[in-house]
């Protein structure tokens, strides 16, 4: 089952390909936001830890789009993202919010199981459109490491039991389109 945000670009391509395969799809819309206080706590946390941007923004619409990203990240069991990683190793753009919330959720799960002193691969995959490569992610002592993937990840819909997030850039480049398509092969 796909969870996504309905934005033009990566989100709509994930939705189209999922629908073609008969996967169930949940699209979170920014106008359907509730539990604002809980969602805002996640946004403030990842902003302080990773992004250093302005949140809340001066736009209610933008704030609700970011809150929608929280819902996607918290609902997904596996995350596939199309975007960019800066030269200093930070995910860029609006996609970053959902990515870092998903990563933090995974860190909380690992921490609750007492596994913080082990390298743990988490189910997060990011395609960097600038470099044209997939990255897998690991966490160790509450820190994230993006590692070049040795193979293309694949989406497996296990009878609707697995929820995968499909998110990414609105500025989808040709290599990003091909990367999303390769997930479904």
Protein backbone atom coordinates (compact mmCIF):
# COMPACT_ATOMS: atom_id res chain seq x y z
CA UNK A 1 0.00 0.00 0.00
CA UNK A 2 1.37 3.39 -1.03
CA UNK A 3 1.14 6.45 1.21
CA UNK A 4 1.93 9.72 -0.54
CA UNK A 5 1.08 13.39 -0.70
CA UNK A 6 -0.49 13.95 -4.10
CA UNK A 7 2.02 16.61 -5.18
CA UNK A 8 2.96 16.95 -8.84
CA UNK A 9 6.22 15.27 -9.74
CA UNK A 10 7.48 12.26 -7.81
CA UNK A 11 4.32 11.77 -5.74
CA UNK A 12 2.02 11.53 -8.76
CA UNK A 13 4.36 9.13 -10.57
CA UNK A 14 4.47 6.86 -7.50
CA UNK A 15 0.68 6.99 -7.42
CA UNK A 16 0.29 6.21 -11.13
CA UNK A 17 2.65 3.22 -11.03
CA UNK A 18 1.10 1.90 -7.80
CA UNK A 19 -2.38 2.16 -9.26
CA UNK A 20 -1.27 0.31 -12.42
CA UNK A 21 -0.18 -2.60 -10.21
CA UNK A 22 -3.39 -2.58 -8.19
CA UNK A 23 -1.74 -1.42 -4.97
CA UNK A 24 -3.95 0.36 -2.47
CA UNK A 25 -3.16 4.06 -2.20
CA UNK A 26 -3.63 6.59 0.60
CA UNK A 27 -3.03 10.21 -0.34
CA UNK A 28 -2.67 12.67 2.51
CA UNK A 29 -3.98 16.10 1.62
CA UNK A 30 -2.85 19.25 3.37
CA UNK A 31 -6.45 20.38 3.78
CA UNK A 32 -7.28 17.27 5.85
CA UNK A 33 -4.87 18.04 8.69
CA UNK A 34 -5.76 17.32 12.32
CA UNK A 35 -3.68 16.79 15.47
CA UNK A 36 -1.66 19.89 14.60
CA UNK A 37 0.16 20.02 17.96
CA UNK A 38 1.59 16.50 17.58
CA UNK A 39 2.58 17.08 13.96
CA UNK A 40 4.21 20.40 14.86
CA UNK A 41 6.33 18.73 17.57
CA UNK A 42 7.83 16.44 14.92
CA UNK A 43 8.47 19.37 12.57
CA UNK A 44 10.11 21.51 15.24
CA UNK A 45 12.30 18.58 16.30
CA UNK A 46 13.64 17.70 12.82
CA UNK A 47 14.02 21.36 11.98
CA UNK A 48 16.22 21.94 15.03
CA UNK A 49 18.20 18.72 14.59
CA UNK A 50 18.75 18.69 10.81
CA UNK A 51 17.41 21.59 8.81
CA UNK A 52 17.72 24.93 10.60
CA UNK A 53 14.92 26.50 8.61
CA UNK A 54 11.98 28.59 9.76
CA UNK A 55 9.09 26.64 11.25
CA UNK A 56 6.34 27.47 11.55
CA UNK A 57 6.50 29.41 8.33
CA UNK A 58 4.45 32.54 7.69
CA UNK A 59 2.12 30.54 5.42
CA UNK A 60 -0.70 28.36 6.79
CA UNK A 61 -0.76 26.48 3.47
CA UNK A 62 2.98 25.68 3.65
CA UNK A 63 2.66 24.62 7.29
CA UNK A 64 -0.14 22.22 6.34
CA UNK A 65 1.93 20.77 3.49
CA UNK A 66 4.72 20.09 5.96
CA UNK A 67 2.25 18.57 8.43
CA UNK A 68 1.03 16.32 5.63
CA UNK A 69 4.64 15.15 5.24
CA UNK A 70 4.68 14.15 8.90
CA UNK A 71 1.57 12.01 8.40
CA UNK A 72 3.18 10.24 5.43
CA UNK A 73 6.41 9.59 7.33
CA UNK A 74 4.67 8.29 10.44
CA UNK A 75 2.35 6.01 8.45
CA UNK A 76 5.00 4.42 6.19
CA UNK A 77 6.86 1.22 7.06
CA UNK A 78 9.36 1.81 4.23
CA UNK A 79 10.24 5.13 2.58
CA UNK A 80 11.32 5.75 -1.02
CA UNK A 81 12.27 9.35 -1.77
CA UNK A 82 13.48 11.20 -4.84
CA UNK A 83 15.44 14.35 -4.14
CA UNK A 84 18.87 15.78 -3.55
CA UNK A 85 21.64 15.47 -0.98
CA UNK A 86 23.80 18.54 -0.51
CA UNK A 87 27.60 18.40 -0.50
CA UNK A 88 27.50 18.41 3.32
CA UNK A 89 25.24 15.33 3.39
CA UNK A 90 21.90 17.03 4.16
CA UNK A 91 18.71 16.18 2.27
CA UNK A 92 17.47 19.31 0.49
CA UNK A 93 14.06 20.78 -0.34
CA UNK A 94 10.61 20.03 0.98
CA UNK A 95 11.24 16.30 0.69
CA UNK A 96 13.73 16.61 3.55
CA UNK A 97 10.99 17.11 6.14
CA UNK A 98 9.30 13.75 5.51
CA UNK A 99 12.65 11.99 5.15
CA UNK A 100 14.04 13.18 8.46
CA UNK A 101 10.78 12.51 10.29
CA UNK A 102 10.81 8.93 8.96
CA UNK A 103 14.46 8.56 10.03
CA UNK A 104 13.68 9.92 13.50
CA UNK A 105 10.75 7.52 13.82
CA UNK A 106 13.12 4.64 13.00
CA UNK A 107 15.66 5.94 15.54
CA UNK A 108 12.96 5.97 18.22
CA UNK A 109 12.04 2.36 17.41
CA UNK A 110 15.68 1.23 17.51
CA UNK A 111 16.25 3.15 20.76
CA UNK A 112 13.19 1.62 22.38
CA UNK A 113 14.61 -1.84 21.64
CA UNK A 114 17.97 -0.97 23.19
CA UNK A 115 19.86 -1.30 19.89
CA UNK A 116 21.51 2.14 19.80
CA UNK A 117 25.05 0.71 19.94
CA UNK A 118 24.65 -1.32 16.74
CA UNK A 119 24.66 -0.28 13.09
CA UNK A 120 21.07 -0.84 12.02
CA UNK A 121 19.94 -0.53 8.41
CA UNK A 122 16.60 1.24 8.27
CA UNK A 123 14.02 0.93 5.48
CA UNK A 124 14.77 4.32 3.94
CA UNK A 125 15.93 4.74 0.34
CA UNK A 126 16.79 8.04 -1.34
CA UNK A 127 17.57 8.64 -4.99
CA UNK A 128 19.80 11.70 -5.45
CA UNK A 129 18.89 13.26 -8.80
CA UNK A 130 22.14 15.25 -8.92
CA UNK A 131 24.35 12.17 -8.63
CA UNK A 132 21.94 9.68 -10.22
CA UNK A 133 22.35 7.08 -7.45
CA UNK A 134 20.33 5.38 -4.72
CA UNK A 135 21.32 5.60 -1.07
CA UNK A 136 20.37 3.25 1.75
CA UNK A 137 20.40 4.45 5.32
CA UNK A 138 21.83 3.20 8.57
CA UNK A 139 21.67 4.54 12.09
CA UNK A 140 24.15 4.20 14.91
CA UNK A 141 23.95 5.97 18.26
CA UNK A 142 21.11 8.14 16.96
CA UNK A 143 23.08 9.33 13.93
CA UNK A 144 22.19 8.72 10.28
CA UNK A 145 24.55 7.50 7.61
CA UNK A 146 23.65 7.51 3.91
CA UNK A 147 25.41 4.66 2.17
CA UNK A 148 25.59 4.21 -1.61
CA UNK A 149 23.24 1.38 -2.51
CA UNK A 150 24.81 -1.61 -4.25
CA UNK A 151 21.51 -2.47 -5.92
CA UNK A 152 18.28 -0.74 -6.86
CA UNK A 153 15.70 -1.14 -4.10
CA UNK A 154 12.40 -2.75 -5.07
CA UNK A 155 8.87 -2.05 -3.91
CA UNK A 156 7.09 -5.11 -2.72
CA UNK A 157 3.41 -4.79 -1.85
CA UNK A 158 2.70 -7.72 0.45
CA UNK A 159 -1.08 -8.05 0.23
CA UNK A 160 -1.54 -4.52 1.46
CA UNK A 161 0.25 -5.22 4.78
CA UNK A 162 3.32 -3.17 3.98
CA UNK A 163 2.86 0.59 3.74
CA UNK A 164 5.50 2.27 1.64
CA UNK A 165 5.95 5.99 1.34
CA UNK A 166 6.56 7.36 -2.13
CA UNK A 167 7.61 11.00 -2.03
CA UNK A 168 9.93 13.42 -3.68
CA UNK A 169 10.75 16.40 -5.73
CA UNK A 170 8.20 18.29 -7.77
CA UNK A 171 11.10 19.00 -10.14
CA UNK A 172 11.41 15.44 -11.31
CA UNK A 173 14.31 14.93 -13.71
CA UNK A 174 14.49 12.12 -16.25
CA UNK A 175 16.81 10.07 -14.04
CA UNK A 176 14.31 10.50 -11.16
CA UNK A 177 11.49 9.23 -13.39
CA UNK A 178 13.58 6.21 -14.36
CA UNK A 179 14.55 5.63 -10.72
CA UNK A 180 10.91 5.48 -9.63
CA UNK A 181 10.00 3.16 -12.51
CA UNK A 182 12.92 0.86 -11.63
CA UNK A 183 11.46 0.35 -8.14
CA UNK A 184 8.42 -1.39 -9.58
CA UNK A 185 10.22 -3.78 -11.96
